[in-house]
Amino acid sequence: MPSTDMPSFPRRRESIAAIVLCIAIGKPSWAYANQSSESALPTELANSLPAVELVGRGKLTFFGLEVYESSLWTTPSFKGLAFENHSFALELHYLRNFTAIDIAKRSIEEMQRIEPVPEQKVTLWIKTLSEAIPNVKKGDRIVGVHKPGSGVTFWYNGKRSGEIRDADFSRQFFGIWLSPKTSEPKLRQALLGKVNL
């Protein structure tokens, strides 16, 4: 059950007035920082994807509230426009508290912005994702490892937390950040950093 100290993800259509106000006073509603400095390989990737390197990093904030820092780890052959064909890892370092069900519901909403999710899969994917990841608190890390044609494995603070063996789910899930149709193109650009499109 969602707890009262873990807020839901902000919804833009509920904040149109605030967005207009931010634009009017010259402050962007969403801010990104390309921080592709060198960083140590997360321990959970040392065994599963030892050949990857950090290619891009971005921080997502909403009206001054920091949501998470994201980092993309890929192999040298990675192509951004064909991300689903490559093994890679996306690391999310949370800067706020969220429940697993809130993360799952928001993820499916973002996936549907890019590509329709069949109605019969929506409920299943929300349930499956909320079981594969835990509630998160400020400072927690979730790493998703994409295996092309197979699915995704999730790691929570360095420990394996779940796996979803569904290639379509994995492709659409990581499309939230990496698809050209993402709702956050500036964050995508920060993540892809130095890779070839």
N, C-alpha and C. Protein backbone atom coordinates (compact mmCIF):
# COMPACT_ATOMS: atom_id res chain seq x y z
N MET A 1 0.84 -1.19 0.00
CA MET A 1 0.00 0.00 0.00
C MET A 1 0.88 1.25 0.00
N PRO A 2 0.54 2.25 -0.83
CA PRO A 2 1.33 3.47 -0.84
C PRO A 2 1.29 4.15 0.52
N SER A 3 2.45 4.63 0.99
CA SER A 3 2.49 5.32 2.27
C SER A 3 2.41 6.82 2.05
N THR A 4 1.99 7.54 3.07
CA THR A 4 1.77 8.97 2.93
C THR A 4 3.06 9.75 2.75
N ASP A 5 4.21 9.17 3.13
CA ASP A 5 5.45 9.92 2.99
C ASP A 5 6.14 9.69 1.67
N MET A 6 5.49 8.95 0.77
CA MET A 6 6.06 8.69 -0.54
C MET A 6 5.15 9.30 -1.60
N PRO A 7 5.47 10.51 -2.09
CA PRO A 7 4.59 11.20 -3.02
C PRO A 7 4.55 10.54 -4.38
N SER A 8 3.44 10.73 -5.06
CA SER A 8 3.31 10.23 -6.43
C SER A 8 4.17 11.08 -7.35
N PHE A 9 4.49 10.51 -8.52
CA PHE A 9 5.19 11.28 -9.52
C PHE A 9 4.33 12.46 -9.94
N PRO A 10 4.92 13.63 -10.18
CA PRO A 10 4.13 14.78 -10.61
C PRO A 10 3.53 14.54 -11.98
N ARG A 11 2.31 15.01 -12.19
CA ARG A 11 1.62 14.89 -13.47
C ARG A 11 1.56 16.26 -14.11
N ARG A 12 2.01 16.34 -15.36
CA ARG A 12 2.10 17.63 -16.01
C ARG A 12 0.75 18.29 -16.26
N ARG A 13 -0.25 17.50 -16.68
CA ARG A 13 -1.52 18.14 -17.01
C ARG A 13 -2.18 18.75 -15.78
N GLU A 14 -1.74 18.32 -14.59
CA GLU A 14 -2.25 18.90 -13.36
C GLU A 14 -1.47 20.15 -12.98
N SER A 15 -0.41 20.46 -13.72
CA SER A 15 0.46 21.56 -13.34
C SER A 15 0.66 22.56 -14.48
N ILE A 16 -0.32 22.70 -15.37
CA ILE A 16 -0.16 23.58 -16.52
C ILE A 16 0.09 25.01 -16.08
N ALA A 17 -0.66 25.48 -15.09
CA ALA A 17 -0.48 26.85 -14.62
C ALA A 17 0.92 27.07 -14.08
N ALA A 18 1.43 26.07 -13.36
CA ALA A 18 2.78 26.20 -12.80
C ALA A 18 3.83 26.22 -13.90
N ILE A 19 3.62 25.42 -14.96
CA ILE A 19 4.55 25.41 -16.08
C ILE A 19 4.55 26.77 -16.77
N VAL A 20 3.36 27.31 -17.01
CA VAL A 20 3.26 28.63 -17.64
C VAL A 20 3.97 29.67 -16.79
N LEU A 21 3.79 29.60 -15.46
CA LEU A 21 4.44 30.54 -14.57
C LEU A 21 5.96 30.42 -14.66
N CYS A 22 6.46 29.18 -14.71
CA CYS A 22 7.91 28.98 -14.80
C CYS A 22 8.46 29.57 -16.09
N ILE A 23 7.74 29.36 -17.19
CA ILE A 23 8.18 29.91 -18.47
C ILE A 23 8.18 31.44 -18.40
N ALA A 24 7.13 32.00 -17.78
CA ALA A 24 6.99 33.44 -17.71
C ALA A 24 8.13 34.08 -16.93
N ILE A 25 8.61 33.39 -15.88
CA ILE A 25 9.68 33.99 -15.09
C ILE A 25 11.05 33.47 -15.51
N GLY A 26 11.07 32.69 -16.58
CA GLY A 26 12.34 32.29 -17.16
C GLY A 26 13.00 31.10 -16.52
N LYS A 27 12.25 30.32 -15.74
CA LYS A 27 12.82 29.13 -15.12
C LYS A 27 12.19 27.90 -15.74
N PRO A 28 12.98 26.99 -16.32
CA PRO A 28 12.42 25.81 -16.95
C PRO A 28 11.74 24.90 -15.93
N SER A 29 10.64 24.25 -16.35
CA SER A 29 9.93 23.36 -15.46
C SER A 29 10.70 22.06 -15.23
N TRP A 30 11.42 21.61 -16.25
CA TRP A 30 12.24 20.41 -16.12
C TRP A 30 13.67 20.79 -16.45
N ALA A 31 14.61 20.34 -15.66
CA ALA A 31 16.00 20.69 -15.89
C ALA A 31 16.82 19.42 -16.02
N TYR A 32 17.79 19.46 -16.89
CA TYR A 32 18.66 18.32 -17.11
C TYR A 32 20.10 18.77 -17.01
N ALA A 33 20.94 17.90 -16.56
CA ALA A 33 22.36 18.21 -16.52
C ALA A 33 23.11 17.06 -17.15
N ASN A 34 23.88 17.35 -18.18
CA ASN A 34 24.71 16.33 -18.78
C ASN A 34 25.96 16.22 -17.94
N GLN A 35 26.09 15.11 -17.24
CA GLN A 35 27.20 14.93 -16.31
C GLN A 35 27.95 13.66 -16.66
N SER A 36 28.48 13.59 -17.85
CA SER A 36 29.10 12.35 -18.32
C SER A 36 30.54 12.21 -17.87
N SER A 37 30.83 12.60 -16.63
CA SER A 37 32.17 12.43 -16.09
C SER A 37 32.41 10.95 -15.79
N GLU A 38 33.67 10.62 -15.63
CA GLU A 38 34.02 9.23 -15.35
C GLU A 38 33.41 8.78 -14.02
N SER A 39 33.00 7.53 -13.95
CA SER A 39 32.41 7.00 -12.74
C SER A 39 32.71 5.51 -12.68
N ALA A 40 32.80 4.99 -11.46
CA ALA A 40 33.11 3.58 -11.28
C ALA A 40 31.94 2.71 -11.70
N LEU A 41 32.23 1.58 -12.29
CA LEU A 41 31.21 0.64 -12.72
C LEU A 41 30.48 0.10 -11.50
N PRO A 42 29.13 0.19 -11.47
CA PRO A 42 28.39 -0.38 -10.34
C PRO A 42 28.73 -1.85 -10.17
N THR A 43 28.82 -2.29 -8.93
CA THR A 43 29.25 -3.66 -8.65
C THR A 43 28.36 -4.70 -9.32
N GLU A 44 27.05 -4.43 -9.42
CA GLU A 44 26.16 -5.40 -10.02
C GLU A 44 26.40 -5.59 -11.52
N LEU A 45 27.10 -4.63 -12.14
CA LEU A 45 27.38 -4.75 -13.57
C LEU A 45 28.71 -5.44 -13.84
N ALA A 46 29.55 -5.52 -12.84
CA ALA A 46 30.88 -6.11 -13.03
C ALA A 46 30.79 -7.54 -13.53
N ASN A 47 29.76 -8.28 -13.10
CA ASN A 47 29.60 -9.67 -13.53
C ASN A 47 28.66 -9.80 -14.72
N SER A 48 27.57 -8.99 -14.73
CA SER A 48 26.57 -9.15 -15.80
C SER A 48 26.94 -8.44 -17.09
N LEU A 49 27.57 -7.26 -17.00
CA LEU A 49 27.96 -6.50 -18.20
C LEU A 49 29.34 -5.88 -17.99
N PRO A 50 30.38 -6.70 -17.90
CA PRO A 50 31.70 -6.17 -17.55
C PRO A 50 32.32 -5.25 -18.60
N ALA A 51 31.83 -5.30 -19.86
CA ALA A 51 32.45 -4.51 -20.93
C ALA A 51 31.82 -3.14 -21.12
N VAL A 52 30.83 -2.78 -20.30
CA VAL A 52 30.16 -1.50 -20.51
C VAL A 52 30.94 -0.35 -19.87
N GLU A 53 30.66 0.85 -20.38
CA GLU A 53 31.24 2.06 -19.82
C GLU A 53 30.17 3.13 -19.74
N LEU A 54 30.39 4.09 -18.86
CA LEU A 54 29.44 5.19 -18.70
C LEU A 54 29.52 6.10 -19.92
N VAL A 55 28.37 6.34 -20.57
CA VAL A 55 28.37 7.22 -21.74
C VAL A 55 27.62 8.52 -21.52
N GLY A 56 26.72 8.56 -20.55
CA GLY A 56 25.98 9.79 -20.30
C GLY A 56 25.25 9.75 -18.99
N ARG A 57 24.98 10.94 -18.46
CA ARG A 57 24.30 11.03 -17.17
C ARG A 57 23.46 12.30 -17.17
N GLY A 58 22.29 12.23 -16.56
CA GLY A 58 21.44 13.41 -16.46
C GLY A 58 20.66 13.42 -15.17
N LYS A 59 20.42 14.61 -14.64
CA LYS A 59 19.61 14.76 -13.43
C LYS A 59 18.25 15.34 -13.83
N LEU A 60 17.19 14.73 -13.35
CA LEU A 60 15.84 15.18 -13.64
C LEU A 60 15.28 15.91 -12.42
N THR A 61 14.85 17.16 -12.64
CA THR A 61 14.20 17.91 -11.57
C THR A 61 12.85 18.40 -12.07
N PHE A 62 11.93 18.60 -11.16
CA PHE A 62 10.60 19.07 -11.49
C PHE A 62 10.25 20.22 -10.57
N PHE A 63 10.16 21.44 -11.16
CA PHE A 63 9.88 22.65 -10.37
C PHE A 63 10.81 22.77 -9.17
N GLY A 64 12.09 22.51 -9.41
CA GLY A 64 13.08 22.64 -8.35
C GLY A 64 13.22 21.43 -7.46
N LEU A 65 12.33 20.44 -7.61
CA LEU A 65 12.42 19.21 -6.81
C LEU A 65 13.23 18.18 -7.58
N GLU A 66 14.28 17.71 -6.99
CA GLU A 66 15.12 16.70 -7.64
C GLU A 66 14.42 15.34 -7.58
N VAL A 67 14.32 14.67 -8.74
CA VAL A 67 13.62 13.39 -8.82
C VAL A 67 14.63 12.24 -8.81
N TYR A 68 15.54 12.23 -9.77
CA TYR A 68 16.57 11.20 -9.81
C TYR A 68 17.71 11.63 -10.72
N GLU A 69 18.85 10.98 -10.52
CA GLU A 69 19.97 11.07 -11.45
C GLU A 69 19.97 9.76 -12.24
N SER A 70 20.15 9.84 -13.54
CA SER A 70 20.17 8.64 -14.36
C SER A 70 21.50 8.55 -15.09
N SER A 71 21.98 7.32 -15.26
CA SER A 71 23.25 7.07 -15.95
C SER A 71 23.05 5.92 -16.92
N LEU A 72 23.64 6.05 -18.09
CA LEU A 72 23.55 5.00 -19.11
C LEU A 72 24.91 4.35 -19.30
N TRP A 73 24.94 3.02 -19.17
CA TRP A 73 26.16 2.23 -19.33
C TRP A 73 26.00 1.34 -20.55
N THR A 74 26.90 1.46 -21.53
CA THR A 74 26.78 0.69 -22.77
C THR A 74 28.15 0.17 -23.22
N THR A 75 28.08 -0.69 -24.24
CA THR A 75 29.30 -1.16 -24.89
C THR A 75 29.66 -0.20 -26.02
N PRO A 76 30.90 -0.23 -26.52
CA PRO A 76 31.32 0.68 -27.59
C PRO A 76 30.50 0.55 -28.87
N SER A 77 29.89 -0.59 -29.12
CA SER A 77 29.13 -0.79 -30.36
C SER A 77 27.70 -0.26 -30.28
N PHE A 78 27.30 0.27 -29.14
CA PHE A 78 25.93 0.72 -28.91
C PHE A 78 25.52 1.80 -29.91
N LYS A 79 24.30 1.67 -30.45
CA LYS A 79 23.72 2.66 -31.34
C LYS A 79 22.41 3.14 -30.73
N GLY A 80 22.30 4.44 -30.51
CA GLY A 80 21.14 5.00 -29.84
C GLY A 80 19.83 4.75 -30.55
N LEU A 81 19.84 4.78 -31.89
CA LEU A 81 18.60 4.60 -32.64
C LEU A 81 18.16 3.14 -32.71
N ALA A 82 19.03 2.24 -32.26
CA ALA A 82 18.70 0.81 -32.24
C ALA A 82 19.01 0.25 -30.85
N PHE A 83 18.68 1.03 -29.81
CA PHE A 83 19.04 0.65 -28.44
C PHE A 83 18.53 -0.73 -28.06
N GLU A 84 17.36 -1.12 -28.62
CA GLU A 84 16.76 -2.40 -28.25
C GLU A 84 17.57 -3.60 -28.72
N ASN A 85 18.52 -3.37 -29.63
CA ASN A 85 19.35 -4.47 -30.16
C ASN A 85 20.64 -4.67 -29.37
N HIS A 86 20.84 -3.90 -28.31
CA HIS A 86 22.10 -3.94 -27.57
C HIS A 86 21.88 -4.24 -26.09
N SER A 87 22.89 -4.82 -25.49
CA SER A 87 22.89 -4.97 -24.03
C SER A 87 23.38 -3.66 -23.43
N PHE A 88 22.72 -3.22 -22.37
CA PHE A 88 23.11 -1.98 -21.70
C PHE A 88 22.45 -1.95 -20.33
N ALA A 89 22.83 -0.96 -19.55
CA ALA A 89 22.25 -0.78 -18.22
C ALA A 89 21.88 0.68 -18.01
N LEU A 90 20.73 0.90 -17.40
CA LEU A 90 20.30 2.24 -17.02
C LEU A 90 20.23 2.28 -15.50
N GLU A 91 20.94 3.21 -14.91
CA GLU A 91 20.99 3.34 -13.45
C GLU A 91 20.20 4.57 -13.03
N LEU A 92 19.29 4.40 -12.09
CA LEU A 92 18.52 5.51 -11.53
C LEU A 92 18.87 5.65 -10.06
N HIS A 93 19.40 6.81 -9.71
CA HIS A 93 19.76 7.11 -8.32
C HIS A 93 18.69 8.07 -7.81
N TYR A 94 17.81 7.57 -6.97
CA TYR A 94 16.63 8.34 -6.56
C TYR A 94 16.99 9.42 -5.54
N LEU A 95 16.38 10.58 -5.74
CA LEU A 95 16.59 11.73 -4.87
C LEU A 95 15.33 12.09 -4.09
N ARG A 96 14.31 11.25 -4.25
CA ARG A 96 13.04 11.40 -3.51
C ARG A 96 12.49 10.00 -3.24
N ASN A 97 11.49 9.92 -2.38
CA ASN A 97 10.85 8.65 -2.05
C ASN A 97 9.69 8.37 -3.00
N PHE A 98 9.57 7.11 -3.46
CA PHE A 98 8.45 6.69 -4.29
C PHE A 98 8.09 5.25 -3.95
N THR A 99 6.80 4.91 -4.08
CA THR A 99 6.40 3.52 -3.92
C THR A 99 6.61 2.77 -5.23
N ALA A 100 6.77 1.47 -5.13
CA ALA A 100 6.94 0.64 -6.32
C ALA A 100 5.74 0.76 -7.25
N ILE A 101 4.53 0.81 -6.68
CA ILE A 101 3.34 0.89 -7.53
C ILE A 101 3.27 2.23 -8.25
N ASP A 102 3.70 3.31 -7.60
CA ASP A 102 3.73 4.61 -8.27
C ASP A 102 4.73 4.60 -9.43
N ILE A 103 5.89 4.01 -9.19
CA ILE A 103 6.90 3.92 -10.26
C ILE A 103 6.35 3.09 -11.42
N ALA A 104 5.71 1.98 -11.11
CA ALA A 104 5.17 1.10 -12.15
C ALA A 104 4.08 1.80 -12.97
N LYS A 105 3.15 2.45 -12.29
CA LYS A 105 2.06 3.12 -13.00
C LYS A 105 2.58 4.25 -13.88
N ARG A 106 3.51 5.04 -13.34
CA ARG A 106 4.06 6.14 -14.13
C ARG A 106 4.86 5.60 -15.32
N SER A 107 5.57 4.51 -15.12
CA SER A 107 6.33 3.90 -16.21
C SER A 107 5.42 3.48 -17.36
N ILE A 108 4.31 2.83 -17.03
CA ILE A 108 3.37 2.39 -18.07
C ILE A 108 2.78 3.60 -18.78
N GLU A 109 2.47 4.67 -18.06
CA GLU A 109 1.96 5.88 -18.69
C GLU A 109 2.95 6.42 -19.70
N GLU A 110 4.22 6.46 -19.32
CA GLU A 110 5.25 6.97 -20.23
C GLU A 110 5.45 6.04 -21.42
N MET A 111 5.37 4.74 -21.18
CA MET A 111 5.49 3.78 -22.28
C MET A 111 4.37 3.99 -23.29
N GLN A 112 3.16 4.26 -22.79
CA GLN A 112 2.01 4.45 -23.67
C GLN A 112 2.09 5.75 -24.46
N ARG A 113 2.83 6.73 -23.96
CA ARG A 113 3.03 7.97 -24.72
C ARG A 113 3.80 7.70 -26.00
N ILE A 114 4.69 6.72 -25.93
CA ILE A 114 5.57 6.42 -27.05
C ILE A 114 4.95 5.40 -28.01
N GLU A 115 4.32 4.40 -27.45
CA GLU A 115 3.76 3.30 -28.25
C GLU A 115 2.59 2.68 -27.47
N PRO A 116 1.49 2.42 -28.13
CA PRO A 116 0.35 1.83 -27.42
C PRO A 116 0.73 0.51 -26.75
N VAL A 117 0.26 0.33 -25.52
CA VAL A 117 0.43 -0.92 -24.80
C VAL A 117 -0.92 -1.63 -24.86
N PRO A 118 -0.97 -2.85 -25.38
CA PRO A 118 -2.25 -3.57 -25.44
C PRO A 118 -2.94 -3.60 -24.08
N GLU A 119 -4.24 -3.34 -24.08
CA GLU A 119 -4.98 -3.22 -22.82
C GLU A 119 -4.79 -4.42 -21.90
N GLN A 120 -4.73 -5.62 -22.49
CA GLN A 120 -4.58 -6.81 -21.66
C GLN A 120 -3.22 -6.88 -20.98
N LYS A 121 -2.24 -6.08 -21.48
CA LYS A 121 -0.91 -6.09 -20.88
C LYS A 121 -0.72 -5.02 -19.82
N VAL A 122 -1.56 -3.98 -19.84
CA VAL A 122 -1.35 -2.86 -18.92
C VAL A 122 -1.36 -3.33 -17.47
N THR A 123 -2.41 -4.00 -17.06
CA THR A 123 -2.52 -4.45 -15.67
C THR A 123 -1.41 -5.44 -15.33
N LEU A 124 -1.11 -6.35 -16.25
CA LEU A 124 -0.07 -7.35 -16.02
C LEU A 124 1.29 -6.68 -15.85
N TRP A 125 1.61 -5.72 -16.72
CA TRP A 125 2.91 -5.07 -16.65
C TRP A 125 3.04 -4.21 -15.39
N ILE A 126 1.97 -3.54 -14.98
CA ILE A 126 2.03 -2.77 -13.73
C ILE A 126 2.31 -3.71 -12.56
N LYS A 127 1.61 -4.83 -12.51
CA LYS A 127 1.80 -5.79 -11.43
C LYS A 127 3.21 -6.37 -11.46
N THR A 128 3.66 -6.77 -12.64
CA THR A 128 4.98 -7.40 -12.78
C THR A 128 6.09 -6.45 -12.41
N LEU A 129 5.99 -5.20 -12.88
CA LEU A 129 7.04 -4.23 -12.58
C LEU A 129 7.06 -3.86 -11.10
N SER A 130 5.88 -3.69 -10.50
CA SER A 130 5.84 -3.33 -9.08
C SER A 130 6.34 -4.46 -8.19
N GLU A 131 6.36 -5.68 -8.70
CA GLU A 131 6.91 -6.81 -7.95
C GLU A 131 8.42 -6.95 -8.17
N ALA A 132 8.90 -6.44 -9.31
CA ALA A 132 10.33 -6.57 -9.65
C ALA A 132 11.19 -5.50 -9.00
N ILE A 133 10.56 -4.40 -8.59
CA ILE A 133 11.30 -3.33 -7.94
C ILE A 133 10.64 -3.01 -6.60
N PRO A 134 11.41 -2.53 -5.63
CA PRO A 134 10.83 -2.21 -4.33
C PRO A 134 10.43 -0.74 -4.24
N ASN A 135 9.84 -0.36 -3.11
CA ASN A 135 9.70 1.06 -2.80
C ASN A 135 11.11 1.64 -2.72
N VAL A 136 11.26 2.91 -3.10
CA VAL A 136 12.58 3.53 -3.02
C VAL A 136 12.53 4.75 -2.13
N LYS A 137 13.66 5.00 -1.49
CA LYS A 137 13.83 6.19 -0.68
C LYS A 137 15.03 6.98 -1.21
N LYS A 138 15.11 8.22 -0.81
CA LYS A 138 16.22 9.07 -1.24
C LYS A 138 17.55 8.36 -0.99
N GLY A 139 18.36 8.28 -2.03
CA GLY A 139 19.66 7.62 -1.93
C GLY A 139 19.69 6.21 -2.49
N ASP A 140 18.51 5.61 -2.71
CA ASP A 140 18.46 4.26 -3.28
C ASP A 140 18.79 4.28 -4.77
N ARG A 141 19.29 3.14 -5.24
CA ARG A 141 19.62 2.98 -6.66
C ARG A 141 18.87 1.79 -7.23
N ILE A 142 18.34 1.96 -8.43
CA ILE A 142 17.80 0.84 -9.19
C ILE A 142 18.54 0.81 -10.52
N VAL A 143 19.04 -0.35 -10.88
CA VAL A 143 19.71 -0.54 -12.17
C VAL A 143 18.90 -1.55 -12.96
N GLY A 144 18.55 -1.18 -14.18
CA GLY A 144 17.87 -2.10 -15.10
C GLY A 144 18.84 -2.52 -16.18
N VAL A 145 19.01 -3.82 -16.36
CA VAL A 145 19.92 -4.36 -17.38
C VAL A 145 19.09 -4.95 -18.51
N HIS A 146 19.23 -4.37 -19.69
CA HIS A 146 18.49 -4.83 -20.87
C HIS A 146 19.28 -5.90 -21.61
N LYS A 147 18.63 -7.03 -21.86
CA LYS A 147 19.21 -8.08 -22.68
C LYS A 147 18.34 -8.23 -23.92
N PRO A 148 18.86 -7.88 -25.09
CA PRO A 148 18.04 -7.88 -26.31
C PRO A 148 17.40 -9.23 -26.59
N GLY A 149 16.11 -9.19 -26.93
CA GLY A 149 15.38 -10.41 -27.25
C GLY A 149 15.02 -11.25 -26.04
N SER A 150 15.37 -10.77 -24.85
CA SER A 150 15.15 -11.56 -23.64
C SER A 150 14.28 -10.82 -22.62
N GLY A 151 14.73 -9.66 -22.18
CA GLY A 151 13.98 -8.91 -21.17
C GLY A 151 14.88 -8.03 -20.35
N VAL A 152 14.52 -7.83 -19.09
CA VAL A 152 15.25 -6.92 -18.22
C VAL A 152 15.41 -7.53 -16.84
N THR A 153 16.58 -7.30 -16.25
CA THR A 153 16.85 -7.69 -14.88
C THR A 153 17.05 -6.42 -14.06
N PHE A 154 16.42 -6.37 -12.88
CA PHE A 154 16.53 -5.20 -12.02
C PHE A 154 17.40 -5.50 -10.80
N TRP A 155 18.17 -4.49 -10.41
CA TRP A 155 19.02 -4.56 -9.24
C TRP A 155 18.69 -3.38 -8.34
N TYR A 156 18.57 -3.64 -7.05
CA TYR A 156 18.24 -2.62 -6.07
C TYR A 156 19.39 -2.51 -5.07
N ASN A 157 20.05 -1.36 -5.08
CA ASN A 157 21.20 -1.14 -4.19
C ASN A 157 22.21 -2.28 -4.26
N GLY A 158 22.45 -2.75 -5.49
CA GLY A 158 23.47 -3.78 -5.71
C GLY A 158 23.00 -5.20 -5.59
N LYS A 159 21.73 -5.42 -5.21
CA LYS A 159 21.20 -6.77 -5.08
C LYS A 159 20.10 -7.00 -6.11
N ARG A 160 20.11 -8.18 -6.70
CA ARG A 160 19.11 -8.51 -7.71
C ARG A 160 17.72 -8.50 -7.08
N SER A 161 16.80 -7.72 -7.68
CA SER A 161 15.47 -7.61 -7.10
C SER A 161 14.38 -8.25 -7.95
N GLY A 162 14.64 -8.50 -9.23
CA GLY A 162 13.60 -9.10 -10.07
C GLY A 162 14.00 -9.14 -11.52
N GLU A 163 13.22 -9.88 -12.28
CA GLU A 163 13.47 -10.03 -13.71
C GLU A 163 12.13 -10.10 -14.43
N ILE A 164 12.07 -9.47 -15.59
CA ILE A 164 10.87 -9.55 -16.43
C ILE A 164 11.32 -10.10 -17.78
N ARG A 165 10.94 -11.33 -18.04
CA ARG A 165 11.34 -11.99 -19.28
C ARG A 165 10.31 -11.70 -20.37
N ASP A 166 10.38 -10.51 -20.89
CA ASP A 166 9.45 -10.06 -21.92
C ASP A 166 10.19 -9.01 -22.74
N ALA A 167 10.60 -9.37 -23.95
CA ALA A 167 11.39 -8.48 -24.79
C ALA A 167 10.62 -7.21 -25.15
N ASP A 168 9.31 -7.32 -25.38
CA ASP A 168 8.51 -6.14 -25.71
C ASP A 168 8.45 -5.19 -24.52
N PHE A 169 8.26 -5.74 -23.33
CA PHE A 169 8.25 -4.89 -22.14
C PHE A 169 9.57 -4.14 -22.01
N SER A 170 10.68 -4.88 -22.12
CA SER A 170 11.99 -4.27 -21.93
C SER A 170 12.23 -3.15 -22.95
N ARG A 171 11.90 -3.41 -24.20
CA ARG A 171 12.08 -2.40 -25.25
C ARG A 171 11.26 -1.15 -24.95
N GLN A 172 10.00 -1.34 -24.58
CA GLN A 172 9.14 -0.19 -24.32
C GLN A 172 9.52 0.52 -23.02
N PHE A 173 9.94 -0.25 -22.03
CA PHE A 173 10.34 0.35 -20.76
C PHE A 173 11.54 1.27 -20.95
N PHE A 174 12.59 0.77 -21.59
CA PHE A 174 13.78 1.59 -21.78
C PHE A 174 13.55 2.70 -22.81
N GLY A 175 12.51 2.54 -23.64
CA GLY A 175 12.14 3.60 -24.56
C GLY A 175 11.72 4.88 -23.84
N ILE A 176 11.29 4.76 -22.58
CA ILE A 176 10.95 5.94 -21.79
C ILE A 176 12.10 6.94 -21.83
N TRP A 177 13.32 6.45 -21.77
CA TRP A 177 14.50 7.32 -21.77
C TRP A 177 15.21 7.38 -23.11
N LEU A 178 15.17 6.28 -23.89
CA LEU A 178 16.05 6.19 -25.06
C LEU A 178 15.36 6.29 -26.40
N SER A 179 14.05 6.16 -26.46
CA SER A 179 13.34 6.28 -27.73
C SER A 179 13.40 7.71 -28.26
N PRO A 180 13.52 7.89 -29.57
CA PRO A 180 13.42 9.25 -30.14
C PRO A 180 12.08 9.90 -29.84
N LYS A 181 11.07 9.10 -29.49
CA LYS A 181 9.74 9.63 -29.17
C LYS A 181 9.55 9.91 -27.68
N THR A 182 10.62 9.81 -26.90
CA THR A 182 10.51 10.07 -25.47
C THR A 182 9.89 11.43 -25.20
N SER A 183 9.19 11.54 -24.08
CA SER A 183 8.62 12.83 -23.70
C SER A 183 9.68 13.75 -23.10
N GLU A 184 10.89 13.22 -22.91
CA GLU A 184 11.98 14.02 -22.32
C GLU A 184 13.22 13.97 -23.21
N PRO A 185 13.18 14.62 -24.38
CA PRO A 185 14.30 14.52 -25.33
C PRO A 185 15.62 15.08 -24.81
N LYS A 186 15.57 16.08 -23.93
CA LYS A 186 16.82 16.63 -23.40
C LYS A 186 17.50 15.64 -22.47
N LEU A 187 16.72 14.91 -21.71
CA LEU A 187 17.31 13.88 -20.85
C LEU A 187 17.89 12.76 -21.71
N ARG A 188 17.20 12.39 -22.77
CA ARG A 188 17.73 11.38 -23.69
C ARG A 188 19.07 11.82 -24.25
N GLN A 189 19.16 13.08 -24.66
CA GLN A 189 20.40 13.60 -25.21
C GLN A 189 21.53 13.55 -24.18
N ALA A 190 21.20 13.89 -22.93
CA ALA A 190 22.22 13.83 -21.88
C ALA A 190 22.69 12.40 -21.63
N LEU A 191 21.76 11.45 -21.66
CA LEU A 191 22.12 10.05 -21.42
C LEU A 191 22.96 9.48 -22.56
N LEU A 192 22.57 9.80 -23.79
CA LEU A 192 23.28 9.24 -24.93
C LEU A 192 24.66 9.89 -25.10
N GLY A 193 24.81 11.09 -24.56
CA GLY A 193 26.11 11.74 -24.50
C GLY A 193 27.01 11.51 -25.68
N LYS A 194 27.95 10.60 -25.53
CA LYS A 194 28.99 10.41 -26.52
C LYS A 194 28.79 9.18 -27.41
N VAL A 195 27.61 8.60 -27.42
CA VAL A 195 27.40 7.41 -28.27
C VAL A 195 26.94 7.82 -29.65
N ASN A 196 27.11 6.91 -30.61
CA ASN A 196 26.63 7.14 -31.97
C ASN A 196 25.13 6.89 -32.04
N LEU A 197 24.43 7.77 -32.72
CA LEU A 197 23.00 7.56 -32.91
C LEU A 197 22.78 6.62 -34.07
